């Protein structure tokens, strides 16, 4: 669950924005993992390189059920 509460105020240099980025990254990771690689790939509007980055950041490229092969499939 994501709440509109800022843990560290943004007027503090660096750390004020860093906490926001960390929360966004964890939320994105949770949503992508819950949806699954097939759903994310089907709705991905970006490039293959962008999808590869998203997969690395969210841990989808470490899937143990064989779906990680879809990331390196040149036909996609």
PDB file of N, CA and C in Angstrom:
ATOM      1  N   UNK A   1       0.843  -1.160   0.000  1.00  0.00           N
ATOM      2  CA  UNK A   1       0.000   0.000   0.000  1.00  0.00           C
ATOM      3  C   UNK A   1       0.897   1.235   0.000  1.00  0.00           C
ATOM      4  N   UNK A   2       0.510   2.215  -0.780  1.00  0.00           N
ATOM      5  CA  UNK A   2       1.259   3.452  -0.873  1.00  0.00           C
ATOM      6  C   UNK A   2       0.404   4.580  -0.309  1.00  0.00           C
ATOM      7  N   UNK A   3       0.991   5.351   0.552  1.00  0.00           N
ATOM      8  CA  UNK A   3       0.286   6.475   1.161  1.00  0.00           C
ATOM      9  C   UNK A   3       0.913   7.784   0.693  1.00  0.00           C
ATOM     10  N   UNK A   4       0.117   8.834   0.601  1.00  0.00           N
ATOM     11  CA  UNK A   4       0.657  10.125   0.155  1.00  0.00           C
ATOM     12  C   UNK A   4       1.363  10.881   1.278  1.00  0.00           C
ATOM     13  N   UNK A   5       2.178  10.174   2.037  1.00  0.00           N
ATOM     14  CA  UNK A   5       2.915  10.781   3.142  1.00  0.00           C
ATOM     15  C   UNK A   5       4.394  10.794   2.762  1.00  0.00           C
ATOM     16  N   UNK A   6       5.013  11.932   2.915  1.00  0.00           N
ATOM     17  CA  UNK A   6       6.435  12.058   2.608  1.00  0.00           C
ATOM     18  C   UNK A   6       7.221  11.772   3.882  1.00  0.00           C
ATOM     19  N   UNK A   7       7.983  10.687   3.883  1.00  0.00           N
ATOM     20  CA  UNK A   7       8.737  10.305   5.068  1.00  0.00           C
ATOM     21  C   UNK A   7       9.812  11.324   5.425  1.00  0.00           C
ATOM     22  N   UNK A   8      10.504  11.797   4.415  1.00  0.00           N
ATOM     23  CA  UNK A   8      11.547  12.803   4.612  1.00  0.00           C
ATOM     24  C   UNK A   8      11.178  14.001   3.735  1.00  0.00           C
ATOM     25  N   UNK A   9      11.058  15.185   4.317  1.00  0.00           N
ATOM     26  CA  UNK A   9      10.673  16.361   3.523  1.00  0.00           C
ATOM     27  C   UNK A   9      11.633  16.630   2.375  1.00  0.00           C
ATOM     28  N   UNK A  10      11.084  17.052   1.235  1.00  0.00           N
ATOM     29  CA  UNK A  10      11.886  17.257   0.032  1.00  0.00           C
ATOM     30  C   UNK A  10      12.824  18.455   0.121  1.00  0.00           C
ATOM     31  N   UNK A  11      12.648  19.329   1.096  1.00  0.00           N
ATOM     32  CA  UNK A  11      13.564  20.469   1.190  1.00  0.00           C
ATOM     33  C   UNK A  11      14.936  20.064   1.734  1.00  0.00           C
ATOM     34  N   UNK A  12      15.057  18.845   2.249  1.00  0.00           N
ATOM     35  CA  UNK A  12      16.375  18.350   2.664  1.00  0.00           C
ATOM     36  C   UNK A  12      17.118  17.856   1.420  1.00  0.00           C
ATOM     37  N   UNK A  13      18.323  18.343   1.212  1.00  0.00           N
ATOM     38  CA  UNK A  13      19.057  17.981  -0.003  1.00  0.00           C
ATOM     39  C   UNK A  13      19.279  16.468  -0.120  1.00  0.00           C
ATOM     40  N   UNK A  14      19.144  15.962  -1.290  1.00  0.00           N
ATOM     41  CA  UNK A  14      19.385  14.574  -1.709  1.00  0.00           C
ATOM     42  C   UNK A  14      18.448  13.581  -1.020  1.00  0.00           C
ATOM     43  N   UNK A  15      18.517  13.455   0.274  1.00  0.00           N
ATOM     44  CA  UNK A  15      17.732  12.428   0.965  1.00  0.00           C
ATOM     45  C   UNK A  15      16.229  12.691   0.875  1.00  0.00           C
ATOM     46  N   UNK A  16      15.839  13.941   0.725  1.00  0.00           N
ATOM     47  CA  UNK A  16      14.422  14.269   0.599  1.00  0.00           C
ATOM     48  C   UNK A  16      13.793  13.655  -0.634  1.00  0.00           C
ATOM     49  N   UNK A  17      14.537  13.605  -1.732  1.00  0.00           N
ATOM     50  CA  UNK A  17      14.029  12.994  -2.966  1.00  0.00           C
ATOM     51  C   UNK A  17      14.377  11.509  -3.033  1.00  0.00           C
ATOM     52  N   UNK A  18      15.429  11.103  -2.362  1.00  0.00           N
ATOM     53  CA  UNK A  18      15.846   9.702  -2.394  1.00  0.00           C
ATOM     54  C   UNK A  18      14.789   8.797  -1.775  1.00  0.00           C
ATOM     55  N   UNK A  19      14.164   9.229  -0.698  1.00  0.00           N
ATOM     56  CA  UNK A  19      13.139   8.376  -0.085  1.00  0.00           C
ATOM     57  C   UNK A  19      11.955   8.186  -1.025  1.00  0.00           C
ATOM     58  N   UNK A  20      11.619   9.220  -1.791  1.00  0.00           N
ATOM     59  CA  UNK A  20      10.538   9.092  -2.774  1.00  0.00           C
ATOM     60  C   UNK A  20      10.891   8.065  -3.844  1.00  0.00           C
ATOM     61  N   UNK A  21      12.112   8.120  -4.332  1.00  0.00           N
ATOM     62  CA  UNK A  21      12.558   7.189  -5.376  1.00  0.00           C
ATOM     63  C   UNK A  21      12.564   5.750  -4.856  1.00  0.00           C
ATOM     64  N   UNK A  22      12.961   5.559  -3.627  1.00  0.00           N
ATOM     65  CA  UNK A  22      12.991   4.217  -3.051  1.00  0.00           C
ATOM     66  C   UNK A  22      11.576   3.659  -2.906  1.00  0.00           C
ATOM     67  N   UNK A  23      10.657   4.480  -2.458  1.00  0.00           N
ATOM     68  CA  UNK A  23       9.263   4.034  -2.311  1.00  0.00           C
ATOM     69  C   UNK A  23       8.658   3.694  -3.671  1.00  0.00           C
ATOM     70  N   UNK A  24       8.931   4.507  -4.674  1.00  0.00           N
ATOM     71  CA  UNK A  24       8.428   4.237  -6.027  1.00  0.00           C
ATOM     72  C   UNK A  24       9.010   2.924  -6.553  1.00  0.00           C
ATOM     73  N   UNK A  25      10.295   2.701  -6.336  1.00  0.00           N
ATOM     74  CA  UNK A  25      10.940   1.472  -6.812  1.00  0.00           C
ATOM     75  C   UNK A  25      10.327   0.233  -6.150  1.00  0.00           C
ATOM     76  N   UNK A  26      10.123   0.269  -4.846  1.00  0.00           N
ATOM     77  CA  UNK A  26       9.517  -0.868  -4.156  1.00  0.00           C
ATOM     78  C   UNK A  26       8.074  -1.101  -4.603  1.00  0.00           C
ATOM     79  N   UNK A  27       7.331  -0.029  -4.813  1.00  0.00           N
ATOM     80  CA  UNK A  27       5.950  -0.160  -5.274  1.00  0.00           C
ATOM     81  C   UNK A  27       5.903  -0.751  -6.680  1.00  0.00           C
ATOM     82  N   UNK A  28       6.753  -0.249  -7.567  1.00  0.00           N
ATOM     83  CA  UNK A  28       6.821  -0.773  -8.932  1.00  0.00           C
ATOM     84  C   UNK A  28       7.191  -2.246  -8.925  1.00  0.00           C
ATOM     85  N   UNK A  29       8.152  -2.598  -8.112  1.00  0.00           N
ATOM     86  CA  UNK A  29       8.578  -3.992  -8.027  1.00  0.00           C
ATOM     87  C   UNK A  29       7.433  -4.891  -7.570  1.00  0.00           C
ATOM     88  N   UNK A  30       6.692  -4.452  -6.572  1.00  0.00           N
ATOM     89  CA  UNK A  30       5.577  -5.236  -6.060  1.00  0.00           C
ATOM     90  C   UNK A  30       4.485  -5.421  -7.117  1.00  0.00           C
ATOM     91  N   UNK A  31       4.132  -4.343  -7.791  1.00  0.00           N
ATOM     92  CA  UNK A  31       3.077  -4.404  -8.806  1.00  0.00           C
ATOM     93  C   UNK A  31       3.487  -5.301  -9.967  1.00  0.00           C
ATOM     94  N   UNK A  32       4.706  -5.145 -10.443  1.00  0.00           N
ATOM     95  CA  UNK A  32       5.175  -5.932 -11.584  1.00  0.00           C
ATOM     96  C   UNK A  32       5.273  -7.404 -11.229  1.00  0.00           C
ATOM     97  N   UNK A  33       5.767  -7.713 -10.062  1.00  0.00           N
ATOM     98  CA  UNK A  33       5.868  -9.119  -9.653  1.00  0.00           C
ATOM     99  C   UNK A  33       4.493  -9.753  -9.471  1.00  0.00           C
ATOM    100  N   UNK A  34       3.564  -8.986  -8.956  1.00  0.00           N
ATOM    101  CA  UNK A  34       2.209  -9.517  -8.755  1.00  0.00           C
ATOM    102  C   UNK A  34       1.512  -9.761 -10.092  1.00  0.00           C
ATOM    103  N   UNK A  35       1.694  -8.862 -11.043  1.00  0.00           N
ATOM    104  CA  UNK A  35       1.047  -8.995 -12.350  1.00  0.00           C
ATOM    105  C   UNK A  35       1.652 -10.126 -13.167  1.00  0.00           C
ATOM    106  N   UNK A  36       2.946 -10.327 -13.060  1.00  0.00           N
ATOM    107  CA  UNK A  36       3.621 -11.368 -13.823  1.00  0.00           C
ATOM    108  C   UNK A  36       4.236 -10.822 -15.100  1.00  0.00           C
ATOM    109  N   UNK A  37       5.232 -11.527 -15.580  1.00  0.00           N
ATOM    110  CA  UNK A  37       5.997 -11.049 -16.732  1.00  0.00           C
ATOM    111  C   UNK A  37       5.147 -11.017 -18.001  1.00  0.00           C
ATOM    112  N   UNK A  38       4.223 -11.961 -18.146  1.00  0.00           N
ATOM    113  CA  UNK A  38       3.405 -11.987 -19.358  1.00  0.00           C
ATOM    114  C   UNK A  38       2.502 -10.758 -19.447  1.00  0.00           C
ATOM    115  N   UNK A  39       1.879 -10.404 -18.337  1.00  0.00           N
ATOM    116  CA  UNK A  39       0.993  -9.239 -18.323  1.00  0.00           C
ATOM    117  C   UNK A  39       1.773  -7.948 -18.548  1.00  0.00           C
ATOM    118  N   UNK A  40       2.929  -7.849 -17.919  1.00  0.00           N
ATOM    119  CA  UNK A  40       3.746  -6.642 -18.086  1.00  0.00           C
ATOM    120  C   UNK A  40       4.205  -6.523 -19.527  1.00  0.00           C
ATOM    121  N   UNK A  41       4.653  -7.626 -20.117  1.00  0.00           N
ATOM    122  CA  UNK A  41       5.144  -7.613 -21.504  1.00  0.00           C
ATOM    123  C   UNK A  41       4.017  -7.262 -22.469  1.00  0.00           C
ATOM    124  N   UNK A  42       2.831  -7.791 -22.214  1.00  0.00           N
ATOM    125  CA  UNK A  42       1.688  -7.541 -23.098  1.00  0.00           C
ATOM    126  C   UNK A  42       1.273  -6.072 -23.100  1.00  0.00           C
ATOM    127  N   UNK A  43       1.490  -5.378 -21.988  1.00  0.00           N
ATOM    128  CA  UNK A  43       1.064  -3.989 -21.880  1.00  0.00           C
ATOM    129  C   UNK A  43       2.216  -2.996 -21.934  1.00  0.00           C
ATOM    130  N   UNK A  44       3.428  -3.475 -22.172  1.00  0.00           N
ATOM    131  CA  UNK A  44       4.604  -2.600 -22.183  1.00  0.00           C
ATOM    132  C   UNK A  44       4.616  -1.750 -23.454  1.00  0.00           C
ATOM    133  N   UNK A  45       4.514  -0.413 -23.334  1.00  0.00           N
ATOM    134  CA  UNK A  45       4.501   0.445 -24.515  1.00  0.00           C
ATOM    135  C   UNK A  45       5.889   0.891 -24.962  1.00  0.00           C
ATOM    136  N   UNK A  46       6.889   0.585 -24.160  1.00  0.00           N
ATOM    137  CA  UNK A  46       8.240   1.078 -24.436  1.00  0.00           C
ATOM    138  C   UNK A  46       9.057   0.138 -25.299  1.00  0.00           C
ATOM    139  N   UNK A  47      10.344   0.397 -25.317  1.00  0.00           N
ATOM    140  CA  UNK A  47      11.282  -0.382 -26.123  1.00  0.00           C
ATOM    141  C   UNK A  47      11.670  -1.673 -25.415  1.00  0.00           C
ATOM    142  N   UNK A  48      12.312  -2.558 -26.168  1.00  0.00           N
ATOM    143  CA  UNK A  48      12.814  -3.801 -25.581  1.00  0.00           C
ATOM    144  C   UNK A  48      13.905  -3.514 -24.559  1.00  0.00           C
ATOM    145  N   UNK A  49      14.737  -2.510 -24.843  1.00  0.00           N
ATOM    146  CA  UNK A  49      15.781  -2.140 -23.883  1.00  0.00           C
ATOM    147  C   UNK A  49      15.165  -1.634 -22.581  1.00  0.00           C
ATOM    148  N   UNK A  50      14.119  -0.850 -22.692  1.00  0.00           N
ATOM    149  CA  UNK A  50      13.427  -0.360 -21.507  1.00  0.00           C
ATOM    150  C   UNK A  50      12.801  -1.489 -20.712  1.00  0.00           C
ATOM    151  N   UNK A  51      12.240  -2.468 -21.414  1.00  0.00           N
ATOM    152  CA  UNK A  51      11.655  -3.624 -20.735  1.00  0.00           C
ATOM    153  C   UNK A  51      12.736  -4.435 -20.030  1.00  0.00           C
ATOM    154  N   UNK A  52      13.893  -4.543 -20.648  1.00  0.00           N
ATOM    155  CA  UNK A  52      15.005  -5.265 -20.016  1.00  0.00           C
ATOM    156  C   UNK A  52      15.433  -4.571 -18.726  1.00  0.00           C
ATOM    157  N   UNK A  53      15.480  -3.252 -18.741  1.00  0.00           N
ATOM    158  CA  UNK A  53      15.828  -2.490 -17.532  1.00  0.00           C
ATOM    159  C   UNK A  53      14.766  -2.699 -16.457  1.00  0.00           C
ATOM    160  N   UNK A  54      13.498  -2.601 -16.837  1.00  0.00           N
ATOM    161  CA  UNK A  54      12.417  -2.831 -15.886  1.00  0.00           C
ATOM    162  C   UNK A  54      12.511  -4.233 -15.290  1.00  0.00           C
ATOM    163  N   UNK A  55      12.809  -5.205 -16.114  1.00  0.00           N
ATOM    164  CA  UNK A  55      12.926  -6.585 -15.651  1.00  0.00           C
ATOM    165  C   UNK A  55      14.062  -6.745 -14.656  1.00  0.00           C
ATOM    166  N   UNK A  56      15.186  -6.099 -14.937  1.00  0.00           N
ATOM    167  CA  UNK A  56      16.318  -6.163 -14.009  1.00  0.00           C
ATOM    168  C   UNK A  56      15.981  -5.478 -12.688  1.00  0.00           C
ATOM    169  N   UNK A  57      15.368  -4.308 -12.760  1.00  0.00           N
ATOM    170  CA  UNK A  57      15.057  -3.554 -11.544  1.00  0.00           C
ATOM    171  C   UNK A  57      14.024  -4.246 -10.662  1.00  0.00           C
ATOM    172  N   UNK A  58      13.103  -4.945 -11.273  1.00  0.00           N
ATOM    173  CA  UNK A  58      12.034  -5.587 -10.511  1.00  0.00           C
ATOM    174  C   UNK A  58      12.325  -7.047 -10.188  1.00  0.00           C
ATOM    175  N   UNK A  59      13.422  -7.581 -10.696  1.00  0.00           N
ATOM    176  CA  UNK A  59      13.784  -8.951 -10.410  1.00  0.00           C
ATOM    177  C   UNK A  59      13.106  -9.965 -11.301  1.00  0.00           C
ATOM    178  N   UNK A  60      12.430  -9.529 -12.350  1.00  0.00           N
ATOM    179  CA  UNK A  60      11.769 -10.476 -13.245  1.00  0.00           C
ATOM    180  C   UNK A  60      12.770 -11.312 -14.026  1.00  0.00           C
ATOM    181  N   UNK A  61      13.972 -10.816 -14.217  1.00  0.00           N
ATOM    182  CA  UNK A  61      14.961 -11.574 -14.983  1.00  0.00           C
ATOM    183  C   UNK A  61      15.536 -12.729 -14.176  1.00  0.00           C
ATOM    184  N   UNK A  62      15.201 -12.807 -12.894  1.00  0.00           N
ATOM    185  CA  UNK A  62      15.680 -13.914 -12.065  1.00  0.00           C
ATOM    186  C   UNK A  62      14.585 -14.930 -11.819  1.00  0.00           C
ATOM    187  N   UNK A  63      13.567 -14.922 -12.650  1.00  0.00           N
ATOM    188  CA  UNK A  63      12.449 -15.854 -12.470  1.00  0.00           C
ATOM    189  C   UNK A  63      12.945 -17.279 -12.611  1.00  0.00           C
ATOM    190  N   UNK A  64      12.444 -18.152 -11.781  1.00  0.00           N
ATOM    191  CA  UNK A  64      12.889 -19.543 -11.803  1.00  0.00           C
ATOM    192  C   UNK A  64      11.924 -20.451 -12.545  1.00  0.00           C
ATOM    193  N   UNK A  65      10.828 -19.897 -13.037  1.00  0.00           N
ATOM    194  CA  UNK A  65       9.828 -20.735 -13.693  1.00  0.00           C
ATOM    195  C   UNK A  65      10.004 -20.776 -15.214  1.00  0.00           C
ATOM    196  N   UNK A  66      11.154 -20.320 -15.714  1.00  0.00           N
ATOM    197  CA  UNK A  66      11.412 -20.384 -17.135  1.00  0.00           C
ATOM    198  C   UNK A  66      10.996 -19.152 -17.895  1.00  0.00           C
ATOM    199  N   UNK A  67      10.356 -18.188 -17.238  1.00  0.00           N
ATOM    200  CA  UNK A  67       9.904 -16.999 -17.947  1.00  0.00           C
ATOM    201  C   UNK A  67      11.045 -16.053 -18.266  1.00  0.00           C
ATOM    202  N   UNK A  68      12.205 -16.236 -17.649  1.00  0.00           N
ATOM    203  CA  UNK A  68      13.320 -15.345 -17.929  1.00  0.00           C
ATOM    204  C   UNK A  68      13.830 -15.529 -19.352  1.00  0.00           C
ATOM    205  N   UNK A  69      13.520 -16.652 -19.976  1.00  0.00           N
ATOM    206  CA  UNK A  69      13.931 -16.865 -21.359  1.00  0.00           C
ATOM    207  C   UNK A  69      13.243 -15.893 -22.294  1.00  0.00           C
ATOM    208  N   UNK A  70      12.063 -15.414 -21.905  1.00  0.00           N
ATOM    209  CA  UNK A  70      11.340 -14.454 -22.734  1.00  0.00           C
ATOM    210  C   UNK A  70      12.075 -13.131 -22.824  1.00  0.00           C
ATOM    211  N   UNK A  71      12.897 -12.826 -21.853  1.00  0.00           N
ATOM    212  CA  UNK A  71      13.636 -11.570 -21.870  1.00  0.00           C
ATOM    213  C   UNK A  71      14.725 -11.572 -22.928  1.00  0.00           C
ATOM    214  N   UNK A  72      15.291 -12.718 -23.181  1.00  0.00           N
ATOM    215  CA  UNK A  72      16.391 -12.779 -24.143  1.00  0.00           C
ATOM    216  C   UNK A  72      15.938 -13.286 -25.512  1.00  0.00           C
ATOM    217  N   UNK A  73      14.646 -13.481 -25.692  1.00  0.00           N
ATOM    218  CA  UNK A  73      14.106 -13.953 -26.958  1.00  0.00           C
ATOM    219  C   UNK A  73      14.181 -12.840 -28.001  1.00  0.00           C
ATOM    220  N   UNK A  74      14.980 -13.002 -29.054  1.00  0.00           N
ATOM    221  CA  UNK A  74      15.109 -11.946 -30.062  1.00  0.00           C
ATOM    222  C   UNK A  74      13.847 -11.729 -30.878  1.00  0.00           C
ATOM    223  N   UNK A  75      12.899 -12.644 -30.831  1.00  0.00           N
ATOM    224  CA  UNK A  75      11.670 -12.505 -31.609  1.00  0.00           C
ATOM    225  C   UNK A  75      10.698 -11.544 -30.957  1.00  0.00           C
ATOM    226  N   UNK A  76      10.894 -11.180 -29.700  1.00  0.00           N
ATOM    227  CA  UNK A  76       9.980 -10.273 -28.981  1.00  0.00           C
ATOM    228  C   UNK A  76      10.280  -8.853 -29.296  1.00  0.00           C
TER     229      UNK A  76
END
